[in-house]
Amino acid sequence: MTMVAAAFLWSIAGVFTRHLDSAKSFEVTFWRSLFCALTMITWFAYTQGFGAIAYVRASGKAGLVSGLMWAVMFTCFMIALTMTSTANELIVNALSPLFATLLAWAVLKSPIAARTWLAIGAAMVGMMIMFAKQAEGGAGVWLGMIVAFGVPVASAINLVTLKKTHAHVDLAPAVLIGGLISCAVTLPLSMPFAATGKDVLLLAILGVFQLGIPCVMMVRASAHLSAPEVALLGLLEVLMGPLWSWLGAGEVPPGTTLLGGAIVLAALVANEIVPKRRTA
């Protein structure tokens, strides 16, 4: 239930972003990252007390690399949401496991099962269907999807780098580091601020409830679930996000997005379920 609740909270980003008045692009990222960092600092102060700083520093260089990748994910995610639809954004993000598999194959020489090659091919077909329609919507729309690819790419680099260095980094400090880096990078690009009080409130809700708290919940859930289980439950975000944007902001995904997204999701789910069924 903890991981399901985390996926539910992750899925609210799109509908909240659609109700912003004037905050755009880098400023949206800055405010969300700022409130996420404040959430993590509060949690560390509560759970670690005076040892909070040492707890974060213990992650070392590996934690810094992981934090940098989180910063890329935070930034690309929010910028892409301001440029393309929620469905497009979340379906691209769902490709993270396949990107990690390909990068591990290229860098770590990890073998790829035949079912995974089939899943990668099917996912590529699904993405081409989505991109074909976006090309008709102007450069800004498909550019948003290109920016969205920064999320699965950074996620894959993060995972493979940690595996190559045999590092075991606690997710929570890396999320804090990522939030702080994201704030530092986007602050000068956000000036002068254009956000209204309502915008800041909505972005504060996202920083606390859509990013900070779900990441803490994922840390706790990961101790009791396998990696495939976490990946599959995380896909609930891809299903719920467009639904909230449709119900709460009237954003209806086009048919090609639904078709391409269904192909991508089916490929991802099949790739995770097949090996578990064989093991059972």
C-alpha atoms as a PDB file:
ATOM      1  CA  MET A   1       0.000   0.000   0.000  1.00  0.00           C
ATOM      2  CA  THR A   2       2.887   2.376   0.710  1.00  0.00           C
ATOM      3  CA  MET A   3       4.198   2.126  -2.866  1.00  0.00           C
ATOM      4  CA  VAL A   4       0.691   2.497  -4.290  1.00  0.00           C
ATOM      5  CA  ALA A   5       0.206   5.666  -2.234  1.00  0.00           C
ATOM      6  CA  ALA A   6       3.570   6.980  -3.472  1.00  0.00           C
ATOM      7  CA  ALA A   7       2.563   6.396  -7.111  1.00  0.00           C
ATOM      8  CA  PHE A   8      -0.728   8.186  -6.455  1.00  0.00           C
ATOM      9  CA  LEU A   9       1.089  11.236  -5.072  1.00  0.00           C
ATOM     10  CA  TRP A  10       3.586  11.249  -7.947  1.00  0.00           C
ATOM     11  CA  SER A  11       0.692  11.304 -10.430  1.00  0.00           C
ATOM     12  CA  ILE A  12      -0.710  14.695  -9.329  1.00  0.00           C
ATOM     13  CA  ALA A  13       2.054  16.786 -10.933  1.00  0.00           C
ATOM     14  CA  GLY A  14       0.305  17.269 -14.274  1.00  0.00           C
ATOM     15  CA  VAL A  15      -3.085  18.446 -12.990  1.00  0.00           C
ATOM     16  CA  PHE A  16      -1.516  20.898 -10.509  1.00  0.00           C
ATOM     17  CA  THR A  17       0.810  22.308 -13.174  1.00  0.00           C
ATOM     18  CA  ARG A  18      -2.139  22.983 -15.486  1.00  0.00           C
ATOM     19  CA  HIS A  19      -3.644  25.350 -12.889  1.00  0.00           C
ATOM     20  CA  LEU A  20      -0.604  27.631 -12.579  1.00  0.00           C
ATOM     21  CA  ASP A  21      -1.232  31.282 -13.441  1.00  0.00           C
ATOM     22  CA  SER A  22       2.085  32.733 -14.559  1.00  0.00           C
ATOM     23  CA  ALA A  23       5.006  30.606 -13.296  1.00  0.00           C
ATOM     24  CA  LYS A  24       6.818  29.015 -16.212  1.00  0.00           C
ATOM     25  CA  SER A  25       9.591  26.580 -16.988  1.00  0.00           C
ATOM     26  CA  PHE A  26      12.633  27.138 -14.749  1.00  0.00           C
ATOM     27  CA  GLU A  27      10.682  28.981 -12.046  1.00  0.00           C
ATOM     28  CA  VAL A  28       8.271  26.060 -11.754  1.00  0.00           C
ATOM     29  CA  THR A  29      11.239  23.742 -11.267  1.00  0.00           C
ATOM     30  CA  PHE A  30      12.872  26.062  -8.723  1.00  0.00           C
ATOM     31  CA  TRP A  31       9.868  26.297  -6.396  1.00  0.00           C
ATOM     32  CA  ARG A  32       9.072  22.590  -6.502  1.00  0.00           C
ATOM     33  CA  SER A  33      12.704  21.618  -5.874  1.00  0.00           C
ATOM     34  CA  LEU A  34      12.989  24.151  -3.060  1.00  0.00           C
ATOM     35  CA  PHE A  35      10.001  22.780  -1.164  1.00  0.00           C
ATOM     36  CA  CYS A  36      11.151  19.219  -1.819  1.00  0.00           C
ATOM     37  CA  ALA A  37      14.554  20.044  -0.292  1.00  0.00           C
ATOM     38  CA  LEU A  38      12.879  21.678   2.722  1.00  0.00           C
ATOM     39  CA  THR A  39      10.745  18.563   3.181  1.00  0.00           C
ATOM     40  CA  MET A  40      13.793  16.302   3.150  1.00  0.00           C
ATOM     41  CA  ILE A  41      15.682  18.573   5.576  1.00  0.00           C
ATOM     42  CA  THR A  42      12.718  18.496   7.966  1.00  0.00           C
ATOM     43  CA  TRP A  43      12.530  14.704   7.747  1.00  0.00           C
ATOM     44  CA  PHE A  44      16.268  14.284   8.393  1.00  0.00           C
ATOM     45  CA  ALA A  45      16.105  16.655  11.362  1.00  0.00           C
ATOM     46  CA  TYR A  46      13.232  14.601  12.783  1.00  0.00           C
ATOM     47  CA  THR A  47      14.719  11.142  12.170  1.00  0.00           C
ATOM     48  CA  GLN A  48      18.455  11.830  12.521  1.00  0.00           C
ATOM     49  CA  GLY A  49      18.537  14.751  14.941  1.00  0.00           C
ATOM     50  CA  PHE A  50      22.020  16.252  15.306  1.00  0.00           C
ATOM     51  CA  GLY A  51      23.407  13.506  13.090  1.00  0.00           C
ATOM     52  CA  ALA A  52      21.487  14.710  10.013  1.00  0.00           C
ATOM     53  CA  ILE A  53      24.458  16.476   8.411  1.00  0.00           C
ATOM     54  CA  ALA A  54      26.730  13.472   8.932  1.00  0.00           C
ATOM     55  CA  TYR A  55      23.995  11.237   7.515  1.00  0.00           C
ATOM     56  CA  VAL A  56      23.907  13.228   4.281  1.00  0.00           C
ATOM     57  CA  ARG A  57      27.701  13.537   4.025  1.00  0.00           C
ATOM     58  CA  ALA A  58      28.063   9.768   4.448  1.00  0.00           C
ATOM     59  CA  SER A  59      26.727   9.284   0.915  1.00  0.00           C
ATOM     60  CA  GLY A  60      30.074  10.616  -0.390  1.00  0.00           C
ATOM     61  CA  LYS A  61      30.950  11.028  -4.061  1.00  0.00           C
ATOM     62  CA  ALA A  62      28.454   8.388  -5.137  1.00  0.00           C
ATOM     63  CA  GLY A  63      25.731  10.363  -3.392  1.00  0.00           C
ATOM     64  CA  LEU A  64      26.825  13.506  -5.229  1.00  0.00           C
ATOM     65  CA  VAL A  65      26.637  11.736  -8.600  1.00  0.00           C
ATOM     66  CA  SER A  66      23.238  10.329  -7.695  1.00  0.00           C
ATOM     67  CA  GLY A  67      22.101  13.758  -6.506  1.00  0.00           C
ATOM     68  CA  LEU A  68      23.224  15.346  -9.770  1.00  0.00           C
ATOM     69  CA  MET A  69      21.156  12.849 -11.723  1.00  0.00           C
ATOM     70  CA  TRP A  70      18.153  13.546  -9.492  1.00  0.00           C
ATOM     71  CA  ALA A  71      18.615  17.248 -10.236  1.00  0.00           C
ATOM     72  CA  VAL A  72      18.499  16.514 -13.977  1.00  0.00           C
ATOM     73  CA  MET A  73      15.336  14.450 -13.472  1.00  0.00           C
ATOM     74  CA  PHE A  74      13.639  17.157 -11.361  1.00  0.00           C
ATOM     75  CA  THR A  75      14.464  19.845 -13.924  1.00  0.00           C
ATOM     76  CA  CYS A  76      13.609  17.937 -17.102  1.00  0.00           C
ATOM     77  CA  PHE A  77      10.376  16.611 -15.606  1.00  0.00           C
ATOM     78  CA  MET A  78       8.875  19.999 -14.769  1.00  0.00           C
ATOM     79  CA  ILE A  79      10.134  21.792 -17.890  1.00  0.00           C
ATOM     80  CA  ALA A  80       8.706  19.042 -20.099  1.00  0.00           C
ATOM     81  CA  LEU A  81       5.345  19.271 -18.299  1.00  0.00           C
ATOM     82  CA  THR A  82       5.101  22.932 -19.292  1.00  0.00           C
ATOM     83  CA  MET A  83       5.725  22.011 -22.953  1.00  0.00           C
ATOM     84  CA  THR A  84       3.827  18.777 -23.622  1.00  0.00           C
ATOM     85  CA  SER A  85       0.906  16.778 -22.265  1.00  0.00           C
ATOM     86  CA  THR A  86       0.930  14.879 -18.984  1.00  0.00           C
ATOM     87  CA  ALA A  87       0.405  11.580 -20.812  1.00  0.00           C
ATOM     88  CA  ASN A  88       3.371  12.166 -23.135  1.00  0.00           C
ATOM     89  CA  GLU A  89       5.603  13.117 -20.213  1.00  0.00           C
ATOM     90  CA  LEU A  90       4.732  10.133 -18.026  1.00  0.00           C
ATOM     91  CA  ILE A  91       4.931   7.556 -20.813  1.00  0.00           C
ATOM     92  CA  VAL A  92       8.423   8.770 -21.730  1.00  0.00           C
ATOM     93  CA  ASN A  93       9.409   8.600 -18.040  1.00  0.00           C
ATOM     94  CA  ALA A  94       8.175   5.003 -17.876  1.00  0.00           C
ATOM     95  CA  LEU A  95      10.976   3.996 -20.247  1.00  0.00           C
ATOM     96  CA  SER A  96      13.526   4.293 -17.399  1.00  0.00           C
ATOM     97  CA  PRO A  97      13.874   0.500 -16.813  1.00  0.00           C
ATOM     98  CA  LEU A  98      14.534  -0.159 -20.503  1.00  0.00           C
ATOM     99  CA  PHE A  99      17.048   2.709 -20.755  1.00  0.00           C
ATOM    100  CA  ALA A 100      18.859   1.342 -17.693  1.00  0.00           C
ATOM    101  CA  THR A 101      18.961  -2.115 -19.262  1.00  0.00           C
ATOM    102  CA  LEU A 102      20.453  -0.783 -22.514  1.00  0.00           C
ATOM    103  CA  LEU A 103      23.059   1.339 -20.730  1.00  0.00           C
ATOM    104  CA  ALA A 104      24.027  -1.565 -18.453  1.00  0.00           C
ATOM    105  CA  TRP A 105      24.466  -3.701 -21.581  1.00  0.00           C
ATOM    106  CA  ALA A 106      26.706  -1.078 -23.210  1.00  0.00           C
ATOM    107  CA  VAL A 107      28.763  -0.115 -20.148  1.00  0.00           C
ATOM    108  CA  LEU A 108      28.670  -3.089 -17.795  1.00  0.00           C
ATOM    109  CA  LYS A 109      28.361  -5.744 -20.523  1.00  0.00           C
ATOM    110  CA  SER A 110      25.267  -7.086 -18.780  1.00  0.00           C
ATOM    111  CA  PRO A 111      23.411  -9.563 -21.031  1.00  0.00           C
ATOM    112  CA  ILE A 112      19.931  -8.659 -22.227  1.00  0.00           C
ATOM    113  CA  ALA A 113      17.273 -11.364 -22.352  1.00  0.00           C
ATOM    114  CA  ALA A 114      15.371 -11.956 -25.584  1.00  0.00           C
ATOM    115  CA  ARG A 115      12.106 -10.807 -23.952  1.00  0.00           C
ATOM    116  CA  THR A 116      13.765  -7.479 -23.074  1.00  0.00           C
ATOM    117  CA  TRP A 117      14.916  -6.927 -26.660  1.00  0.00           C
ATOM    118  CA  LEU A 118      11.305  -7.543 -27.732  1.00  0.00           C
ATOM    119  CA  ALA A 119      10.092  -5.089 -25.094  1.00  0.00           C
ATOM    120  CA  ILE A 120      12.589  -2.462 -26.296  1.00  0.00           C
ATOM    121  CA  GLY A 121      11.433  -2.925 -29.899  1.00  0.00           C
ATOM    122  CA  ALA A 122       7.766  -2.677 -28.929  1.00  0.00           C
ATOM    123  CA  ALA A 123       8.439   0.426 -26.824  1.00  0.00           C
ATOM    124  CA  MET A 124      10.216   2.068 -29.770  1.00  0.00           C
ATOM    125  CA  VAL A 125       7.194   1.374 -31.979  1.00  0.00           C
ATOM    126  CA  GLY A 126       4.915   2.917 -29.359  1.00  0.00           C
ATOM    127  CA  MET A 127       7.102   6.022 -29.072  1.00  0.00           C
ATOM    128  CA  MET A 128       7.209   6.453 -32.868  1.00  0.00           C
ATOM    129  CA  ILE A 129       3.404   6.379 -32.966  1.00  0.00           C
ATOM    130  CA  MET A 130       3.320   9.100 -30.317  1.00  0.00           C
ATOM    131  CA  PHE A 131       6.001  11.225 -32.001  1.00  0.00           C
ATOM    132  CA  ALA A 132       4.284  11.005 -35.398  1.00  0.00           C
ATOM    133  CA  LYS A 133       1.246  12.824 -34.024  1.00  0.00           C
ATOM    134  CA  GLN A 134       3.261  15.319 -31.968  1.00  0.00           C
ATOM    135  CA  ALA A 135       5.065  16.467 -35.118  1.00  0.00           C
ATOM    136  CA  GLU A 136       1.752  17.950 -36.256  1.00  0.00           C
ATOM    137  CA  GLY A 137       1.444  20.004 -33.052  1.00  0.00           C
ATOM    138  CA  GLY A 138       4.417  22.254 -33.667  1.00  0.00           C
ATOM    139  CA  ALA A 139       8.038  22.287 -32.564  1.00  0.00           C
ATOM    140  CA  GLY A 140       7.267  23.155 -28.937  1.00  0.00           C
ATOM    141  CA  VAL A 141       5.187  20.031 -28.301  1.00  0.00           C
ATOM    142  CA  TRP A 142       7.640  17.444 -29.564  1.00  0.00           C
ATOM    143  CA  LEU A 143      10.534  19.422 -28.089  1.00  0.00           C
ATOM    144  CA  GLY A 144       8.832  18.879 -24.736  1.00  0.00           C
ATOM    145  CA  MET A 145       8.959  15.128 -25.326  1.00  0.00           C
ATOM    146  CA  ILE A 146      12.659  15.360 -26.150  1.00  0.00           C
ATOM    147  CA  VAL A 147      13.260  17.216 -22.865  1.00  0.00           C
ATOM    148  CA  ALA A 148      11.235  14.516 -21.087  1.00  0.00           C
ATOM    149  CA  PHE A 149      13.760  11.927 -22.276  1.00  0.00           C
ATOM    150  CA  GLY A 150      16.221  13.542 -19.869  1.00  0.00           C
ATOM    151  CA  VAL A 151      14.374  11.788 -17.019  1.00  0.00           C
ATOM    152  CA  PRO A 152      14.854   8.135 -18.089  1.00  0.00           C
ATOM    153  CA  VAL A 153      18.360   8.890 -19.394  1.00  0.00           C
ATOM    154  CA  ALA A 154      19.449  10.449 -16.072  1.00  0.00           C
ATOM    155  CA  SER A 155      17.772   7.619 -14.181  1.00  0.00           C
ATOM    156  CA  ALA A 156      19.683   5.035 -16.227  1.00  0.00           C
ATOM    157  CA  ILE A 157      23.014   6.855 -15.793  1.00  0.00           C
ATOM    158  CA  ASN A 158      22.358   7.064 -12.070  1.00  0.00           C
ATOM    159  CA  LEU A 159      21.698   3.342 -11.709  1.00  0.00           C
ATOM    160  CA  VAL A 160      24.544   2.159 -13.937  1.00  0.00           C
ATOM    161  CA  THR A 161      27.088   4.538 -12.339  1.00  0.00           C
ATOM    162  CA  LEU A 162      26.226   3.271  -8.880  1.00  0.00           C
ATOM    163  CA  LYS A 163      26.445  -0.344 -10.026  1.00  0.00           C
ATOM    164  CA  LYS A 164      29.789   0.235 -11.745  1.00  0.00           C
ATOM    165  CA  THR A 165      31.293   1.805  -8.616  1.00  0.00           C
ATOM    166  CA  HIS A 166      29.629  -0.838  -6.406  1.00  0.00           C
ATOM    167  CA  ALA A 167      28.134   1.987  -4.371  1.00  0.00           C
ATOM    168  CA  HIS A 168      25.106   1.594  -2.151  1.00  0.00           C
ATOM    169  CA  VAL A 169      23.654   5.057  -1.736  1.00  0.00           C
ATOM    170  CA  ASP A 170      20.641   5.787   0.419  1.00  0.00           C
ATOM    171  CA  LEU A 171      18.017   7.375  -1.826  1.00  0.00           C
ATOM    172  CA  ALA A 172      16.903  10.023   0.660  1.00  0.00           C
ATOM    173  CA  PRO A 173      20.177  12.044   0.934  1.00  0.00           C
ATOM    174  CA  ALA A 174      20.577  11.846  -2.858  1.00  0.00           C
ATOM    175  CA  VAL A 175      17.088  13.323  -3.299  1.00  0.00           C
ATOM    176  CA  LEU A 176      18.016  16.208  -0.982  1.00  0.00           C
ATOM    177  CA  ILE A 177      21.253  16.818  -2.877  1.00  0.00           C
ATOM    178  CA  GLY A 178      19.338  16.731  -6.157  1.00  0.00           C
ATOM    179  CA  GLY A 179      16.799  19.231  -4.875  1.00  0.00           C
ATOM    180  CA  LEU A 180      19.523  21.628  -3.735  1.00  0.00           C
ATOM    181  CA  ILE A 181      21.422  21.373  -7.036  1.00  0.00           C
ATOM    182  CA  SER A 182      18.206  21.906  -8.987  1.00  0.00           C
ATOM    183  CA  CYS A 183      17.440  25.019  -6.919  1.00  0.00           C
ATOM    184  CA  ALA A 184      20.929  26.440  -7.422  1.00  0.00           C
ATOM    185  CA  VAL A 185      20.858  25.901 -11.207  1.00  0.00           C
ATOM    186  CA  THR A 186      17.324  27.140 -11.882  1.00  0.00           C
ATOM    187  CA  LEU A 187      17.293  30.133  -9.498  1.00  0.00           C
ATOM    188  CA  PRO A 188      19.247  32.537 -11.780  1.00  0.00           C
ATOM    189  CA  LEU A 189      17.228  31.316 -14.767  1.00  0.00           C
ATOM    190  CA  SER A 190      13.983  32.018 -12.903  1.00  0.00           C
ATOM    191  CA  MET A 191      14.643  35.696 -12.279  1.00  0.00           C
ATOM    192  CA  PRO A 192      12.668  37.882 -12.232  1.00  0.00           C
ATOM    193  CA  PHE A 193       9.989  35.791 -10.507  1.00  0.00           C
ATOM    194  CA  ALA A 194       6.576  35.818 -12.166  1.00  0.00           C
ATOM    195  CA  ALA A 195       4.745  33.334  -9.934  1.00  0.00           C
ATOM    196  CA  THR A 196       1.630  34.493  -8.114  1.00  0.00           C
ATOM    197  CA  GLY A 197       0.876  33.528  -4.527  1.00  0.00           C
ATOM    198  CA  LYS A 198      -1.411  30.805  -5.856  1.00  0.00           C
ATOM    199  CA  ASP A 199       1.407  29.443  -8.040  1.00  0.00           C
ATOM    200  CA  VAL A 200       3.814  29.250  -5.098  1.00  0.00           C
ATOM    201  CA  LEU A 201       1.174  27.459  -3.017  1.00  0.00           C
ATOM    202  CA  LEU A 202       0.520  24.882  -5.755  1.00  0.00           C
ATOM    203  CA  LEU A 203       4.238  24.314  -6.284  1.00  0.00           C
ATOM    204  CA  ALA A 204       4.763  24.016  -2.514  1.00  0.00           C
ATOM    205  CA  ILE A 205       2.123  21.263  -2.484  1.00  0.00           C
ATOM    206  CA  LEU A 206       3.970  19.512  -5.314  1.00  0.00           C
ATOM    207  CA  GLY A 207       7.360  19.868  -3.625  1.00  0.00           C
ATOM    208  CA  VAL A 208       6.079  18.431  -0.345  1.00  0.00           C
ATOM    209  CA  PHE A 209       3.389  15.942  -1.348  1.00  0.00           C
ATOM    210  CA  GLN A 210       4.310  15.018  -4.936  1.00  0.00           C
ATOM    211  CA  LEU A 211       8.092  14.762  -4.510  1.00  0.00           C
ATOM    212  CA  GLY A 212       9.415  14.828  -0.937  1.00  0.00           C
ATOM    213  CA  ILE A 213       6.938  12.589   0.883  1.00  0.00           C
ATOM    214  CA  PRO A 214       6.587   9.982  -1.931  1.00  0.00           C
ATOM    215  CA  CYS A 215      10.376   9.613  -2.091  1.00  0.00           C
ATOM    216  CA  VAL A 216      10.437   8.891   1.651  1.00  0.00           C
ATOM    217  CA  MET A 217       7.609   6.384   1.177  1.00  0.00           C
ATOM    218  CA  MET A 218       9.525   4.704  -1.661  1.00  0.00           C
ATOM    219  CA  VAL A 219      12.598   4.349   0.562  1.00  0.00           C
ATOM    220  CA  ARG A 220      10.516   2.485   3.137  1.00  0.00           C
ATOM    221  CA  ALA A 221       8.663   0.382   0.537  1.00  0.00           C
ATOM    222  CA  SER A 222      11.922  -0.659  -1.177  1.00  0.00           C
ATOM    223  CA  ALA A 223      12.967  -2.474   2.008  1.00  0.00           C
ATOM    224  CA  HIS A 224      10.018  -4.848   1.612  1.00  0.00           C
ATOM    225  CA  LEU A 225       9.565  -5.087  -2.182  1.00  0.00           C
ATOM    226  CA  SER A 226      11.738  -6.402  -5.003  1.00  0.00           C
ATOM    227  CA  ALA A 227      12.995  -4.060  -7.723  1.00  0.00           C
ATOM    228  CA  PRO A 228      10.498  -5.422 -10.320  1.00  0.00           C
ATOM    229  CA  GLU A 229       7.634  -4.939  -7.869  1.00  0.00           C
ATOM    230  CA  VAL A 230       8.680  -1.330  -7.234  1.00  0.00           C
ATOM    231  CA  ALA A 231       8.955  -0.745 -11.002  1.00  0.00           C
ATOM    232  CA  LEU A 232       5.517  -2.220 -11.715  1.00  0.00           C
ATOM    233  CA  LEU A 233       3.770  -0.316  -8.930  1.00  0.00           C
ATOM    234  CA  GLY A 234       5.533   2.849 -10.079  1.00  0.00           C
ATOM    235  CA  LEU A 235       3.813   2.444 -13.458  1.00  0.00           C
ATOM    236  CA  LEU A 236       0.536   3.301 -11.719  1.00  0.00           C
ATOM    237  CA  GLU A 237       1.702   6.913 -12.001  1.00  0.00           C
ATOM    238  CA  VAL A 238       1.570   6.626 -15.794  1.00  0.00           C
ATOM    239  CA  LEU A 239      -2.037   5.431 -15.627  1.00  0.00           C
ATOM    240  CA  MET A 240      -3.307   7.869 -12.990  1.00  0.00           C
ATOM    241  CA  GLY A 241      -1.484  11.038 -14.087  1.00  0.00           C
ATOM    242  CA  PRO A 242      -3.322  11.522 -17.404  1.00  0.00           C
ATOM    243  CA  LEU A 243      -6.596  10.599 -15.668  1.00  0.00           C
ATOM    244  CA  TRP A 244      -6.230  13.413 -13.104  1.00  0.00           C
ATOM    245  CA  SER A 245      -5.267  15.885 -15.853  1.00  0.00           C
ATOM    246  CA  TRP A 246      -8.355  14.880 -17.826  1.00  0.00           C
ATOM    247  CA  LEU A 247     -10.732  15.104 -14.859  1.00  0.00           C
ATOM    248  CA  GLY A 248      -9.150  18.146 -13.219  1.00  0.00           C
ATOM    249  CA  ALA A 249      -7.888  20.200 -16.162  1.00  0.00           C
ATOM    250  CA  GLY A 250      -9.783  18.932 -19.225  1.00  0.00           C
ATOM    251  CA  GLU A 251      -6.584  17.651 -20.867  1.00  0.00           C
ATOM    252  CA  VAL A 252      -7.721  14.806 -23.113  1.00  0.00           C
ATOM    253  CA  PRO A 253      -4.873  12.690 -24.582  1.00  0.00           C
ATOM    254  CA  PRO A 254      -5.137  12.155 -28.362  1.00  0.00           C
ATOM    255  CA  GLY A 255      -5.828   8.678 -29.678  1.00  0.00           C
ATOM    256  CA  THR A 256      -2.255   8.186 -30.904  1.00  0.00           C
ATOM    257  CA  THR A 257      -0.910   8.929 -27.422  1.00  0.00           C
ATOM    258  CA  LEU A 258      -3.261   6.356 -25.919  1.00  0.00           C
ATOM    259  CA  LEU A 259      -2.319   3.764 -28.549  1.00  0.00           C
ATOM    260  CA  GLY A 260       1.415   4.384 -28.335  1.00  0.00           C
ATOM    261  CA  GLY A 261       1.269   4.552 -24.547  1.00  0.00           C
ATOM    262  CA  ALA A 262      -0.641   1.266 -24.352  1.00  0.00           C
ATOM    263  CA  ILE A 263       2.062  -0.435 -26.443  1.00  0.00           C
ATOM    264  CA  VAL A 264       4.841   0.978 -24.243  1.00  0.00           C
ATOM    265  CA  LEU A 265       3.106   0.001 -20.993  1.00  0.00           C
ATOM    266  CA  ALA A 266       2.274  -3.492 -22.270  1.00  0.00           C
ATOM    267  CA  ALA A 267       5.919  -4.013 -23.233  1.00  0.00           C
ATOM    268  CA  LEU A 268       7.144  -2.837 -19.824  1.00  0.00           C
ATOM    269  CA  VAL A 269       4.670  -4.932 -17.845  1.00  0.00           C
ATOM    270  CA  ALA A 270       5.340  -8.067 -19.916  1.00  0.00           C
ATOM    271  CA  ASN A 271       9.101  -7.622 -19.468  1.00  0.00           C
ATOM    272  CA  GLU A 272       8.702  -7.552 -15.682  1.00  0.00           C
ATOM    273  CA  ILE A 273       5.998 -10.230 -15.281  1.00  0.00           C
ATOM    274  CA  VAL A 274       7.381 -12.970 -17.583  1.00  0.00           C
ATOM    275  CA  PRO A 275      10.526 -13.740 -15.544  1.00  0.00           C
ATOM    276  CA  LYS A 276       8.522 -13.751 -12.283  1.00  0.00           C
ATOM    277  CA  ARG A 277       6.020 -16.262 -13.683  1.00  0.00           C
ATOM    278  CA  ARG A 278       8.821 -18.521 -14.876  1.00  0.00           C
ATOM    279  CA  THR A 279      10.433 -18.383 -11.434  1.00  0.00           C
ATOM    280  CA  ALA A 280       7.109 -19.226  -9.768  1.00  0.00           C
END
